């Protein structure tokens, strides 16, 4: 069974509920009307409610992909799928936890 690809129309959240603004550094490959997201793409996160035990807010502000598709690439760069691994970061590149792909394209092949 094929794994759905992530496009700029998908939904990804941080572990605390903040939403990533998905963008893509390429404009050649699409699925279901959205550009394919590549493992090299970084995304901003808004709305994260994470707070340290001390009460100091430390929201996730950035998402970086760690692992993409093993066999599907665009210009030699792996695409992101629903099974890909992304990590969310606070300001200062402090890792805060894994990204959650809420929705991806049902289409598994790009055009």
N, C-alpha and C. Protein backbone atom coordinates (compact mmCIF):
# COMPACT_ATOMS: atom_id res chain seq x y z
N UNK A 1 0.84 -1.19 0.00
CA UNK A 1 0.00 0.00 0.00
C UNK A 1 0.88 1.25 0.00
N UNK A 2 0.60 2.17 -0.89
CA UNK A 2 1.39 3.40 -1.02
C UNK A 2 1.04 4.39 0.09
N UNK A 3 2.02 5.20 0.44
CA UNK A 3 1.84 6.20 1.49
C UNK A 3 1.56 7.55 0.84
N UNK A 4 0.53 8.28 1.30
CA UNK A 4 0.20 9.59 0.71
C UNK A 4 1.35 10.59 0.84
N UNK A 5 1.51 11.42 -0.19
CA UNK A 5 2.52 12.46 -0.19
C UNK A 5 1.97 13.71 0.50
N UNK A 6 2.87 14.51 1.07
CA UNK A 6 2.47 15.76 1.71
C UNK A 6 2.61 16.89 0.70
N UNK A 7 1.56 17.69 0.59
CA UNK A 7 1.61 18.86 -0.28
C UNK A 7 1.41 20.11 0.56
N UNK A 8 1.53 21.24 -0.10
CA UNK A 8 1.34 22.52 0.58
C UNK A 8 -0.11 22.72 1.03
N UNK A 9 -1.01 21.84 0.62
CA UNK A 9 -2.41 21.91 1.06
C UNK A 9 -2.68 21.02 2.26
N UNK A 10 -1.67 20.27 2.70
CA UNK A 10 -1.82 19.37 3.84
C UNK A 10 -1.83 20.12 5.16
N UNK A 11 -1.98 19.36 6.23
CA UNK A 11 -2.00 19.93 7.58
C UNK A 11 -0.98 19.21 8.45
N UNK A 12 -0.09 19.99 9.07
CA UNK A 12 0.91 19.45 9.98
C UNK A 12 0.89 20.31 11.24
N UNK A 13 0.91 19.66 12.40
CA UNK A 13 0.92 20.39 13.67
C UNK A 13 2.13 19.98 14.50
N UNK A 14 2.48 20.83 15.44
CA UNK A 14 3.52 20.49 16.40
C UNK A 14 2.87 19.65 17.50
N UNK A 15 3.65 19.06 18.40
CA UNK A 15 3.06 18.21 19.44
C UNK A 15 2.19 18.97 20.44
N UNK A 16 2.20 20.31 20.36
CA UNK A 16 1.42 21.13 21.30
C UNK A 16 0.24 21.82 20.62
N UNK A 17 -0.01 21.48 19.35
CA UNK A 17 -1.18 22.01 18.65
C UNK A 17 -0.94 23.18 17.72
N UNK A 18 0.28 23.69 17.63
CA UNK A 18 0.57 24.78 16.70
C UNK A 18 0.54 24.26 15.27
N UNK A 19 0.17 25.10 14.33
CA UNK A 19 0.04 24.67 12.94
C UNK A 19 1.19 25.21 12.09
N UNK A 20 1.74 24.31 11.27
CA UNK A 20 2.81 24.68 10.35
C UNK A 20 2.22 25.31 9.10
N UNK A 21 2.89 26.33 8.58
CA UNK A 21 2.54 26.94 7.29
C UNK A 21 3.40 26.25 6.25
N UNK A 22 2.78 25.36 5.48
CA UNK A 22 3.54 24.54 4.54
C UNK A 22 3.84 25.31 3.25
N UNK A 23 5.09 25.21 2.83
CA UNK A 23 5.53 25.81 1.57
C UNK A 23 6.49 24.83 0.92
N UNK A 24 6.81 25.08 -0.33
CA UNK A 24 7.73 24.20 -1.03
C UNK A 24 8.73 25.02 -1.84
N UNK A 25 9.97 24.58 -1.83
CA UNK A 25 11.01 25.26 -2.58
C UNK A 25 11.05 24.87 -4.05
N UNK A 26 10.10 24.05 -4.49
CA UNK A 26 10.06 23.64 -5.89
C UNK A 26 8.68 23.95 -6.46
N UNK A 27 8.61 24.06 -7.78
CA UNK A 27 7.31 24.38 -8.39
C UNK A 27 7.00 23.46 -9.58
N UNK A 28 7.64 22.30 -9.64
CA UNK A 28 7.45 21.40 -10.77
C UNK A 28 6.50 20.25 -10.49
N UNK A 29 6.48 19.75 -9.27
CA UNK A 29 5.69 18.55 -8.96
C UNK A 29 4.52 18.90 -8.04
N UNK A 30 3.35 18.40 -8.42
CA UNK A 30 2.13 18.64 -7.66
C UNK A 30 1.37 17.34 -7.45
N UNK A 31 0.49 17.36 -6.46
CA UNK A 31 -0.46 16.27 -6.24
C UNK A 31 -1.73 16.91 -5.70
N UNK A 32 -2.85 16.61 -6.32
CA UNK A 32 -4.16 17.13 -5.91
C UNK A 32 -4.18 18.64 -5.74
N UNK A 33 -3.45 19.35 -6.61
CA UNK A 33 -3.49 20.80 -6.62
C UNK A 33 -2.51 21.51 -5.71
N UNK A 34 -1.75 20.77 -4.93
CA UNK A 34 -0.76 21.38 -4.04
C UNK A 34 0.65 20.97 -4.44
N UNK A 35 1.62 21.83 -4.21
CA UNK A 35 3.01 21.51 -4.52
C UNK A 35 3.54 20.49 -3.52
N UNK A 36 4.34 19.55 -4.01
CA UNK A 36 4.94 18.55 -3.12
C UNK A 36 5.91 19.22 -2.17
N UNK A 37 5.87 18.81 -0.91
CA UNK A 37 6.80 19.31 0.10
C UNK A 37 8.04 18.42 0.06
N UNK A 38 9.22 19.04 0.12
CA UNK A 38 10.49 18.33 0.07
C UNK A 38 11.12 18.27 1.46
N UNK A 39 11.96 17.27 1.67
CA UNK A 39 12.62 17.11 2.97
C UNK A 39 13.52 18.30 3.28
N UNK A 40 13.94 19.04 2.28
CA UNK A 40 14.79 20.22 2.47
C UNK A 40 14.00 21.47 2.86
N UNK A 41 12.67 21.44 2.76
CA UNK A 41 11.85 22.61 3.08
C UNK A 41 11.74 22.81 4.60
N UNK A 42 11.75 24.06 5.02
CA UNK A 42 11.49 24.42 6.42
C UNK A 42 10.20 25.24 6.46
N UNK A 43 9.47 25.11 7.56
CA UNK A 43 8.17 25.77 7.66
C UNK A 43 8.05 26.48 9.01
N UNK A 44 7.35 27.60 9.00
CA UNK A 44 7.09 28.30 10.26
C UNK A 44 5.88 27.66 10.95
N UNK A 45 5.84 27.80 12.26
CA UNK A 45 4.75 27.27 13.07
C UNK A 45 4.14 28.43 13.86
N UNK A 46 2.82 28.48 13.91
CA UNK A 46 2.11 29.50 14.69
C UNK A 46 1.10 28.82 15.60
N UNK A 47 0.86 29.43 16.72
CA UNK A 47 -0.19 28.95 17.62
C UNK A 47 0.23 27.88 18.61
N UNK A 48 1.52 27.62 18.76
CA UNK A 48 1.98 26.63 19.73
C UNK A 48 1.82 27.18 21.14
N UNK A 49 1.26 26.36 22.01
CA UNK A 49 0.98 26.81 23.39
C UNK A 49 1.96 26.26 24.41
N UNK A 50 3.09 25.68 23.96
CA UNK A 50 4.01 25.05 24.91
C UNK A 50 4.60 26.07 25.89
N UNK A 51 4.60 25.68 27.14
CA UNK A 51 5.17 26.50 28.21
C UNK A 51 6.06 25.62 29.08
N UNK A 52 7.21 26.12 29.46
CA UNK A 52 8.12 25.40 30.34
C UNK A 52 7.48 25.24 31.73
N UNK A 53 7.93 24.27 32.51
CA UNK A 53 7.37 24.11 33.87
C UNK A 53 7.48 25.38 34.73
N UNK A 54 8.44 26.23 34.41
CA UNK A 54 8.61 27.48 35.15
C UNK A 54 7.53 28.51 34.80
N UNK A 55 6.75 28.22 33.74
CA UNK A 55 5.72 29.15 33.30
C UNK A 55 6.15 30.02 32.13
N UNK A 56 7.38 29.87 31.70
CA UNK A 56 7.90 30.65 30.58
C UNK A 56 7.44 30.05 29.25
N UNK A 57 6.79 30.84 28.41
CA UNK A 57 6.39 30.31 27.10
C UNK A 57 7.61 29.97 26.25
N UNK A 58 7.56 28.81 25.60
CA UNK A 58 8.62 28.41 24.68
C UNK A 58 7.96 27.70 23.49
N UNK A 59 7.24 28.46 22.67
CA UNK A 59 6.48 27.84 21.57
C UNK A 59 7.37 27.30 20.46
N UNK A 60 6.85 26.29 19.77
CA UNK A 60 7.48 25.82 18.54
C UNK A 60 7.31 26.91 17.49
N UNK A 61 8.37 27.21 16.76
CA UNK A 61 8.31 28.25 15.73
C UNK A 61 8.77 27.77 14.36
N UNK A 62 9.37 26.57 14.29
CA UNK A 62 9.93 26.09 13.03
C UNK A 62 9.82 24.57 12.96
N UNK A 63 9.61 24.08 11.74
CA UNK A 63 9.57 22.64 11.46
C UNK A 63 10.62 22.31 10.43
N UNK A 64 11.46 21.32 10.73
CA UNK A 64 12.47 20.82 9.79
C UNK A 64 12.23 19.32 9.63
N UNK A 65 12.28 18.85 8.39
CA UNK A 65 12.10 17.43 8.11
C UNK A 65 13.41 16.70 8.29
N UNK A 66 13.35 15.53 8.94
CA UNK A 66 14.54 14.72 9.20
C UNK A 66 14.65 13.56 8.21
N UNK A 67 13.50 12.95 7.88
CA UNK A 67 13.48 11.77 7.02
C UNK A 67 12.33 11.92 6.03
N UNK A 68 12.64 11.73 4.75
CA UNK A 68 11.63 11.80 3.70
C UNK A 68 11.43 10.45 3.05
N UNK A 69 10.82 10.46 1.88
CA UNK A 69 10.57 9.23 1.14
C UNK A 69 11.89 8.59 0.72
N UNK A 70 11.90 7.28 0.70
CA UNK A 70 13.13 6.56 0.34
C UNK A 70 13.33 6.48 -1.17
N UNK A 71 12.24 6.49 -1.95
CA UNK A 71 12.39 6.27 -3.38
C UNK A 71 11.83 7.38 -4.25
N UNK A 72 11.08 8.30 -3.69
CA UNK A 72 10.46 9.35 -4.50
C UNK A 72 11.17 10.67 -4.26
N UNK A 73 11.67 11.26 -5.36
CA UNK A 73 12.40 12.53 -5.25
C UNK A 73 11.93 13.51 -6.31
N UNK A 74 12.22 14.77 -6.07
CA UNK A 74 12.04 15.84 -7.04
C UNK A 74 13.40 16.51 -7.18
N UNK A 75 13.96 16.47 -8.38
CA UNK A 75 15.30 17.02 -8.61
C UNK A 75 16.33 16.47 -7.63
N UNK A 76 16.20 15.19 -7.27
CA UNK A 76 17.15 14.55 -6.38
C UNK A 76 16.91 14.73 -4.90
N UNK A 77 15.87 15.45 -4.52
CA UNK A 77 15.55 15.68 -3.11
C UNK A 77 14.32 14.88 -2.73
N UNK A 78 14.38 14.17 -1.61
CA UNK A 78 13.26 13.33 -1.16
C UNK A 78 12.01 14.16 -0.89
N UNK A 79 10.86 13.61 -1.27
CA UNK A 79 9.59 14.25 -0.95
C UNK A 79 9.18 13.82 0.46
N UNK A 80 8.27 14.57 1.04
CA UNK A 80 7.74 14.26 2.37
C UNK A 80 6.44 13.48 2.18
N UNK A 81 6.27 12.43 2.97
CA UNK A 81 5.04 11.64 2.94
C UNK A 81 4.38 11.70 4.31
N UNK A 82 3.23 11.07 4.40
CA UNK A 82 2.53 11.04 5.69
C UNK A 82 3.35 10.31 6.74
N UNK A 83 4.27 9.45 6.32
CA UNK A 83 5.11 8.69 7.25
C UNK A 83 6.46 9.36 7.54
N UNK A 84 6.73 10.50 6.95
CA UNK A 84 8.02 11.18 7.15
C UNK A 84 8.16 11.69 8.57
N UNK A 85 9.41 11.90 8.96
CA UNK A 85 9.71 12.37 10.31
C UNK A 85 10.15 13.83 10.25
N UNK A 86 9.46 14.67 11.00
CA UNK A 86 9.81 16.08 11.12
C UNK A 86 9.99 16.43 12.58
N UNK A 87 10.80 17.42 12.85
CA UNK A 87 11.04 17.85 14.22
C UNK A 87 10.71 19.33 14.34
N UNK A 88 10.02 19.67 15.43
CA UNK A 88 9.63 21.05 15.69
C UNK A 88 10.64 21.69 16.63
N UNK A 89 10.89 22.99 16.41
CA UNK A 89 11.92 23.70 17.17
C UNK A 89 11.37 25.00 17.73
N UNK A 90 11.85 25.34 18.92
CA UNK A 90 11.59 26.66 19.50
C UNK A 90 12.66 27.61 18.96
N UNK A 91 12.53 28.88 19.29
CA UNK A 91 13.55 29.86 18.92
C UNK A 91 14.90 29.37 19.46
N UNK A 92 15.97 29.65 18.74
CA UNK A 92 17.28 29.20 19.16
C UNK A 92 17.55 27.75 18.77
N UNK A 93 16.72 27.19 17.88
CA UNK A 93 16.85 25.80 17.41
C UNK A 93 16.82 24.77 18.54
N UNK A 94 15.95 25.00 19.52
CA UNK A 94 15.77 24.05 20.61
C UNK A 94 14.71 23.03 20.18
N UNK A 95 15.08 21.73 20.07
CA UNK A 95 14.12 20.72 19.65
C UNK A 95 13.00 20.56 20.68
N UNK A 96 11.75 20.44 20.18
CA UNK A 96 10.59 20.38 21.07
C UNK A 96 9.74 19.13 20.87
N UNK A 97 10.00 18.38 19.83
CA UNK A 97 9.22 17.16 19.62
C UNK A 97 8.87 16.95 18.17
N UNK A 98 8.29 15.78 17.88
CA UNK A 98 7.99 15.43 16.49
C UNK A 98 6.76 16.13 15.94
N UNK A 99 6.82 16.42 14.64
CA UNK A 99 5.66 16.97 13.93
C UNK A 99 4.64 15.86 13.71
N UNK A 100 3.38 16.24 13.60
CA UNK A 100 2.30 15.29 13.35
C UNK A 100 1.64 15.67 12.02
N UNK A 101 1.72 14.76 11.05
CA UNK A 101 1.05 14.99 9.76
C UNK A 101 -0.41 14.60 9.94
N UNK A 102 -1.29 15.60 9.99
CA UNK A 102 -2.71 15.37 10.20
C UNK A 102 -3.39 14.95 8.91
N UNK A 103 -3.06 15.64 7.82
CA UNK A 103 -3.63 15.27 6.53
C UNK A 103 -2.61 15.47 5.42
N UNK A 104 -2.63 14.52 4.50
CA UNK A 104 -1.77 14.58 3.32
C UNK A 104 -2.66 14.28 2.12
N UNK A 105 -2.12 14.39 0.92
CA UNK A 105 -2.88 14.10 -0.28
C UNK A 105 -3.23 12.62 -0.33
N UNK A 106 -4.44 12.32 -0.74
CA UNK A 106 -4.82 10.93 -0.93
C UNK A 106 -4.06 10.33 -2.11
N UNK A 107 -3.67 11.20 -3.03
CA UNK A 107 -2.92 10.78 -4.21
C UNK A 107 -1.52 10.36 -3.78
N UNK A 108 -1.04 9.26 -4.32
CA UNK A 108 0.28 8.78 -3.93
C UNK A 108 1.31 8.96 -5.05
N UNK A 109 0.88 9.37 -6.21
CA UNK A 109 1.80 9.64 -7.32
C UNK A 109 1.73 11.11 -7.68
N UNK A 110 2.87 11.70 -7.95
CA UNK A 110 2.93 13.12 -8.28
C UNK A 110 2.79 13.32 -9.78
N UNK A 111 2.41 14.54 -10.18
CA UNK A 111 2.35 14.89 -11.60
C UNK A 111 3.35 15.98 -11.91
